[in-house]
Amino acid sequence: MAEKLSILIVDDHPLFREGMKAIISRDVTLSLAGEAGNRKEGFQMAKKLKPDLVTVDISLPDGSGIDLVRDIHEKIAGPKIMVLSMHAKASYIVKAFEAGALGYIVKESASETLIAGLHAVSKGEYFLDGRLTPQVVQRLMGNPAKDLKIRNATYDALTPREQEIMVLLCEG
C-alpha cells in the first residue's frame, strides 16, 4: 500500500478541526499529521512536521491565514496548501491563490468535495470548490486589471489544456 498523505489542519475552531479529523479518518489514503489553532502554531508545526498538505483557515486569531499560506509557501519546502474558509468572496480566493494556495473550499461544502480537493491539491493540481466558480469568473470578466494580476500569478503555471479551459470558462 502507498504511503498515506499527511495533513496538518490549521483552524481556530476546535469543533471544526474535530470534524476535519473525522472526515480524514474515513479515507484510508489520508492521515492526520497534526492540528493547530492559530497562525504561529500552524507555521511552527508545518516547519517541524513537514506534512504533505496543510489546510488553512483565512480567519485566525493571531493573524491572516493568507499570510500563513504565503509564509508556508515561501519558507517551507514541500507542503501543498488548501484554504478552507467561510469566505466565498472572489477577493479572498484570489489572494489565497496569489499567496501560494493550490485549492480553495468553503466550509459549507460536502465532505466529498473536501476529499476530492485534498487529493487534487496533493498532486499539485489547482482545485476550486465548484460553487465558487461564478464569483471567480465574474471577477475575471469584470475587472481586467485584476485579471492580468491573476494571470501573472497563476495562469502561466497551468498546463496548455488548463489554460484553454480557463479561457472557455471566462467566455461563458
C-alpha atoms as a PDB file:
ATOM      1  CA  MET A   1       0.000   0.000   0.000  1.00  0.00           C
ATOM      2  CA  ALA A   2       1.223   3.504  -0.837  1.00  0.00           C
ATOM      3  CA  GLU A   3       2.233   5.871   1.934  1.00  0.00           C
ATOM      4  CA  LYS A   4      -0.634   7.923   3.337  1.00  0.00           C
ATOM      5  CA  LEU A   5      -0.972  11.605   2.576  1.00  0.00           C
ATOM      6  CA  SER A   6      -0.205  13.531   5.785  1.00  0.00           C
ATOM      7  CA  ILE A   7      -2.341  16.573   6.552  1.00  0.00           C
ATOM      8  CA  LEU A   8      -1.909  19.442   9.008  1.00  0.00           C
ATOM      9  CA  ILE A   9      -5.119  21.299   9.904  1.00  0.00           C
ATOM     10  CA  VAL A  10      -4.840  24.984  10.869  1.00  0.00           C
ATOM     11  CA  ASP A  11      -8.143  26.379  12.139  1.00  0.00           C
ATOM     12  CA  ASP A  12      -9.075  28.243  15.304  1.00  0.00           C
ATOM     13  CA  HIS A  13     -12.332  26.343  15.866  1.00  0.00           C
ATOM     14  CA  PRO A  14     -11.811  23.064  17.791  1.00  0.00           C
ATOM     15  CA  LEU A  15     -15.152  21.640  16.689  1.00  0.00           C
ATOM     16  CA  PHE A  16     -14.308  22.240  13.026  1.00  0.00           C
ATOM     17  CA  ARG A  17     -10.916  20.549  13.495  1.00  0.00           C
ATOM     18  CA  GLU A  18     -12.688  17.552  15.065  1.00  0.00           C
ATOM     19  CA  GLY A  19     -14.963  17.325  12.036  1.00  0.00           C
ATOM     20  CA  MET A  20     -11.978  17.522   9.699  1.00  0.00           C
ATOM     21  CA  LYS A  21     -10.234  14.743  11.606  1.00  0.00           C
ATOM     22  CA  ALA A  22     -13.331  12.549  11.327  1.00  0.00           C
ATOM     23  CA  ILE A  23     -13.523  13.122   7.564  1.00  0.00           C
ATOM     24  CA  ILE A  24      -9.805  12.455   7.103  1.00  0.00           C
ATOM     25  CA  SER A  25     -10.022   9.239   9.140  1.00  0.00           C
ATOM     26  CA  ARG A  26     -12.673   7.841   6.764  1.00  0.00           C
ATOM     27  CA  ASP A  27     -10.240   7.889   3.817  1.00  0.00           C
ATOM     28  CA  VAL A  28      -7.582   5.161   4.011  1.00  0.00           C
ATOM     29  CA  THR A  29      -5.181   7.226   1.884  1.00  0.00           C
ATOM     30  CA  LEU A  30      -5.122  10.167   4.329  1.00  0.00           C
ATOM     31  CA  SER A  31      -3.591  10.629   7.768  1.00  0.00           C
ATOM     32  CA  LEU A  32      -3.559  13.454  10.278  1.00  0.00           C
ATOM     33  CA  ALA A  33      -0.094  14.925  10.803  1.00  0.00           C
ATOM     34  CA  GLY A  34      -1.301  17.418  13.393  1.00  0.00           C
ATOM     35  CA  GLU A  35      -3.526  20.374  14.127  1.00  0.00           C
ATOM     36  CA  ALA A  36      -3.019  23.982  15.131  1.00  0.00           C
ATOM     37  CA  GLY A  37      -5.384  26.658  16.387  1.00  0.00           C
ATOM     38  CA  ASN A  38      -3.535  29.783  15.268  1.00  0.00           C
ATOM     39  CA  ARG A  39      -1.126  31.199  12.690  1.00  0.00           C
ATOM     40  CA  LYS A  40       2.054  30.987  14.763  1.00  0.00           C
ATOM     41  CA  GLU A  41       1.456  27.413  15.887  1.00  0.00           C
ATOM     42  CA  GLY A  42       0.447  26.445  12.339  1.00  0.00           C
ATOM     43  CA  PHE A  43       3.712  27.724  10.882  1.00  0.00           C
ATOM     44  CA  GLN A  44       5.803  26.050  13.591  1.00  0.00           C
ATOM     45  CA  MET A  45       4.021  22.727  13.125  1.00  0.00           C
ATOM     46  CA  ALA A  46       4.296  22.886   9.325  1.00  0.00           C
ATOM     47  CA  LYS A  47       8.022  23.519   9.677  1.00  0.00           C
ATOM     48  CA  LYS A  48       8.509  20.719  12.219  1.00  0.00           C
ATOM     49  CA  LEU A  49       6.179  18.045  10.820  1.00  0.00           C
ATOM     50  CA  LYS A  50       6.703  18.684   7.082  1.00  0.00           C
ATOM     51  CA  PRO A  51       3.221  17.412   6.146  1.00  0.00           C
ATOM     52  CA  ASP A  52       2.295  16.690   2.549  1.00  0.00           C
ATOM     53  CA  LEU A  53      -0.594  19.132   2.754  1.00  0.00           C
ATOM     54  CA  VAL A  54      -1.719  21.965   5.032  1.00  0.00           C
ATOM     55  CA  THR A  55      -5.317  23.173   5.258  1.00  0.00           C
ATOM     56  CA  VAL A  56      -5.555  26.792   6.384  1.00  0.00           C
ATOM     57  CA  ASP A  57      -8.476  28.917   7.553  1.00  0.00           C
ATOM     58  CA  ILE A  58      -8.291  32.565   6.459  1.00  0.00           C
ATOM     59  CA  SER A  59      -9.523  33.998   9.762  1.00  0.00           C
ATOM     60  CA  LEU A  60      -7.093  33.122  12.542  1.00  0.00           C
ATOM     61  CA  PRO A  61      -6.921  34.812  15.960  1.00  0.00           C
ATOM     62  CA  ASP A  62      -3.301  35.935  15.656  1.00  0.00           C
ATOM     63  CA  GLY A  63      -3.171  36.998  12.029  1.00  0.00           C
ATOM     64  CA  SER A  64      -4.238  36.361   8.492  1.00  0.00           C
ATOM     65  CA  GLY A  65      -4.427  32.854   7.130  1.00  0.00           C
ATOM     66  CA  ILE A  66      -3.407  34.344   3.776  1.00  0.00           C
ATOM     67  CA  ASP A  67      -0.128  35.453   5.371  1.00  0.00           C
ATOM     68  CA  LEU A  68       0.313  31.944   6.771  1.00  0.00           C
ATOM     69  CA  VAL A  69      -0.233  30.481   3.295  1.00  0.00           C
ATOM     70  CA  ARG A  70       2.431  32.843   1.924  1.00  0.00           C
ATOM     71  CA  ASP A  71       4.895  32.023   4.721  1.00  0.00           C
ATOM     72  CA  ILE A  72       4.497  28.267   4.321  1.00  0.00           C
ATOM     73  CA  HIS A  73       4.716  28.527   0.533  1.00  0.00           C
ATOM     74  CA  GLU A  74       7.854  30.690   0.595  1.00  0.00           C
ATOM     75  CA  LYS A  75       9.713  29.335   3.632  1.00  0.00           C
ATOM     76  CA  ILE A  76       8.916  25.623   3.913  1.00  0.00           C
ATOM     77  CA  ALA A  77       9.717  23.292   1.044  1.00  0.00           C
ATOM     78  CA  GLY A  78       7.167  20.644   0.296  1.00  0.00           C
ATOM     79  CA  PRO A  79       3.711  21.163   1.749  1.00  0.00           C
ATOM     80  CA  LYS A  80       0.885  21.865  -0.655  1.00  0.00           C
ATOM     81  CA  ILE A  81      -1.724  24.265   0.714  1.00  0.00           C
ATOM     82  CA  MET A  82      -5.510  24.330   0.551  1.00  0.00           C
ATOM     83  CA  VAL A  83      -7.626  27.083   2.088  1.00  0.00           C
ATOM     84  CA  LEU A  84     -10.818  26.093   3.912  1.00  0.00           C
ATOM     85  CA  SER A  85     -12.819  29.191   4.725  1.00  0.00           C
ATOM     86  CA  MET A  86     -16.266  30.587   5.364  1.00  0.00           C
ATOM     87  CA  HIS A  87     -15.357  33.437   2.969  1.00  0.00           C
ATOM     88  CA  ALA A  88     -16.687  32.940  -0.555  1.00  0.00           C
ATOM     89  CA  LYS A  89     -15.792  36.376  -1.955  1.00  0.00           C
ATOM     90  CA  ALA A  90     -13.603  36.400  -5.051  1.00  0.00           C
ATOM     91  CA  SER A  91     -11.136  38.802  -3.416  1.00  0.00           C
ATOM     92  CA  TYR A  92     -10.286  36.230  -0.726  1.00  0.00           C
ATOM     93  CA  ILE A  93      -9.989  33.455  -3.289  1.00  0.00           C
ATOM     94  CA  VAL A  94      -7.648  35.475  -5.497  1.00  0.00           C
ATOM     95  CA  LYS A  95      -5.467  36.467  -2.530  1.00  0.00           C
ATOM     96  CA  ALA A  96      -5.234  32.838  -1.398  1.00  0.00           C
ATOM     97  CA  PHE A  97      -4.063  31.639  -4.808  1.00  0.00           C
ATOM     98  CA  GLU A  98      -1.649  34.557  -5.156  1.00  0.00           C
ATOM     99  CA  ALA A  99      -0.153  33.647  -1.771  1.00  0.00           C
ATOM    100  CA  GLY A 100       0.534  30.082  -2.900  1.00  0.00           C
ATOM    101  CA  ALA A 101      -2.570  28.021  -2.177  1.00  0.00           C
ATOM    102  CA  LEU A 102      -3.478  25.387  -4.747  1.00  0.00           C
ATOM    103  CA  GLY A 103      -7.024  24.860  -3.522  1.00  0.00           C
ATOM    104  CA  TYR A 104      -9.919  26.785  -2.014  1.00  0.00           C
ATOM    105  CA  ILE A 105     -13.046  25.279  -0.478  1.00  0.00           C
ATOM    106  CA  VAL A 106     -15.804  26.918   1.536  1.00  0.00           C
ATOM    107  CA  LYS A 107     -16.610  25.348   4.889  1.00  0.00           C
ATOM    108  CA  GLU A 108     -20.201  24.630   3.947  1.00  0.00           C
ATOM    109  CA  SER A 109     -19.043  22.180   1.255  1.00  0.00           C
ATOM    110  CA  ALA A 110     -19.751  18.464   1.336  1.00  0.00           C
ATOM    111  CA  SER A 111     -17.103  16.131   2.724  1.00  0.00           C
ATOM    112  CA  GLU A 112     -16.767  14.567  -0.746  1.00  0.00           C
ATOM    113  CA  THR A 113     -15.689  17.956  -2.108  1.00  0.00           C
ATOM    114  CA  LEU A 114     -13.104  18.238   0.643  1.00  0.00           C
ATOM    115  CA  ILE A 115     -11.685  14.774  -0.079  1.00  0.00           C
ATOM    116  CA  ALA A 116     -11.567  15.483  -3.827  1.00  0.00           C
ATOM    117  CA  GLY A 117      -9.798  18.773  -3.118  1.00  0.00           C
ATOM    118  CA  LEU A 118      -7.245  17.188  -0.804  1.00  0.00           C
ATOM    119  CA  HIS A 119      -6.355  14.573  -3.411  1.00  0.00           C
ATOM    120  CA  ALA A 120      -6.146  17.109  -6.256  1.00  0.00           C
ATOM    121  CA  VAL A 121      -4.003  19.558  -4.293  1.00  0.00           C
ATOM    122  CA  SER A 122      -1.715  16.763  -3.077  1.00  0.00           C
ATOM    123  CA  LYS A 123      -0.902  16.067  -6.747  1.00  0.00           C
ATOM    124  CA  GLY A 124      -0.055  19.723  -7.337  1.00  0.00           C
ATOM    125  CA  GLU A 125      -3.324  20.419  -9.144  1.00  0.00           C
ATOM    126  CA  TYR A 126      -5.431  23.519  -8.632  1.00  0.00           C
ATOM    127  CA  PHE A 127      -8.801  22.897  -7.002  1.00  0.00           C
ATOM    128  CA  LEU A 128     -11.667  25.326  -6.615  1.00  0.00           C
ATOM    129  CA  ASP A 129     -14.966  24.460  -4.989  1.00  0.00           C
ATOM    130  CA  GLY A 130     -17.411  24.374  -7.909  1.00  0.00           C
ATOM    131  CA  ARG A 131     -19.806  26.741  -6.165  1.00  0.00           C
ATOM    132  CA  LEU A 132     -17.121  29.425  -6.212  1.00  0.00           C
ATOM    133  CA  THR A 133     -16.551  29.380  -9.967  1.00  0.00           C
ATOM    134  CA  PRO A 134     -19.215  32.028 -10.776  1.00  0.00           C
ATOM    135  CA  GLN A 135     -17.648  34.546  -8.365  1.00  0.00           C
ATOM    136  CA  VAL A 136     -14.173  33.981  -9.772  1.00  0.00           C
ATOM    137  CA  VAL A 137     -15.294  34.178 -13.395  1.00  0.00           C
ATOM    138  CA  GLN A 138     -17.293  37.355 -12.682  1.00  0.00           C
ATOM    139  CA  ARG A 139     -14.214  38.828 -11.067  1.00  0.00           C
ATOM    140  CA  LEU A 140     -12.107  37.924 -14.085  1.00  0.00           C
ATOM    141  CA  MET A 141     -14.647  39.306 -16.531  1.00  0.00           C
ATOM    142  CA  GLY A 142     -15.479  42.447 -14.586  1.00  0.00           C
ATOM    143  CA  ASN A 143     -12.035  43.659 -13.655  1.00  0.00           C
ATOM    144  CA  PRO A 144      -9.381  43.403 -16.404  1.00  0.00           C
ATOM    145  CA  ALA A 145      -6.621  44.832 -14.183  1.00  0.00           C
ATOM    146  CA  LYS A 146      -7.156  42.073 -11.630  1.00  0.00           C
ATOM    147  CA  ASP A 147      -7.350  39.520 -14.469  1.00  0.00           C
ATOM    148  CA  LEU A 148      -3.848  40.486 -15.539  1.00  0.00           C
ATOM    149  CA  LYS A 149      -2.594  40.139 -11.973  1.00  0.00           C
ATOM    150  CA  ILE A 150      -4.163  36.686 -11.642  1.00  0.00           C
ATOM    151  CA  ARG A 151      -2.669  35.631 -14.945  1.00  0.00           C
ATOM    152  CA  ASN A 152       0.788  36.702 -13.897  1.00  0.00           C
ATOM    153  CA  ALA A 153       0.477  34.898 -10.574  1.00  0.00           C
ATOM    154  CA  THR A 154      -1.110  31.596 -11.587  1.00  0.00           C
ATOM    155  CA  TYR A 155      -2.208  31.383 -15.217  1.00  0.00           C
ATOM    156  CA  ASP A 156       1.255  30.617 -16.561  1.00  0.00           C
ATOM    157  CA  ALA A 157       1.585  27.697 -14.129  1.00  0.00           C
ATOM    158  CA  LEU A 158      -1.385  25.962 -15.770  1.00  0.00           C
ATOM    159  CA  THR A 159      -0.938  23.359 -18.494  1.00  0.00           C
ATOM    160  CA  PRO A 160      -1.954  24.424 -22.006  1.00  0.00           C
ATOM    161  CA  ARG A 161      -5.187  22.422 -21.673  1.00  0.00           C
ATOM    162  CA  GLU A 162      -5.968  24.052 -18.290  1.00  0.00           C
ATOM    163  CA  GLN A 163      -5.325  27.480 -19.854  1.00  0.00           C
ATOM    164  CA  GLU A 164      -7.707  26.614 -22.690  1.00  0.00           C
ATOM    165  CA  ILE A 165     -10.394  25.573 -20.201  1.00  0.00           C
ATOM    166  CA  MET A 166      -9.908  28.781 -18.206  1.00  0.00           C
ATOM    167  CA  VAL A 167     -10.375  30.867 -21.357  1.00  0.00           C
ATOM    168  CA  LEU A 168     -13.549  28.940 -22.196  1.00  0.00           C
ATOM    169  CA  LEU A 169     -14.881  29.459 -18.656  1.00  0.00           C
ATOM    170  CA  CYS A 170     -14.280  33.183 -18.944  1.00  0.00           C
ATOM    171  CA  GLU A 171     -16.010  33.355 -22.307  1.00  0.00           C
ATOM    172  CA  GLY A 172     -19.072  31.603 -20.878  1.00  0.00           C
END
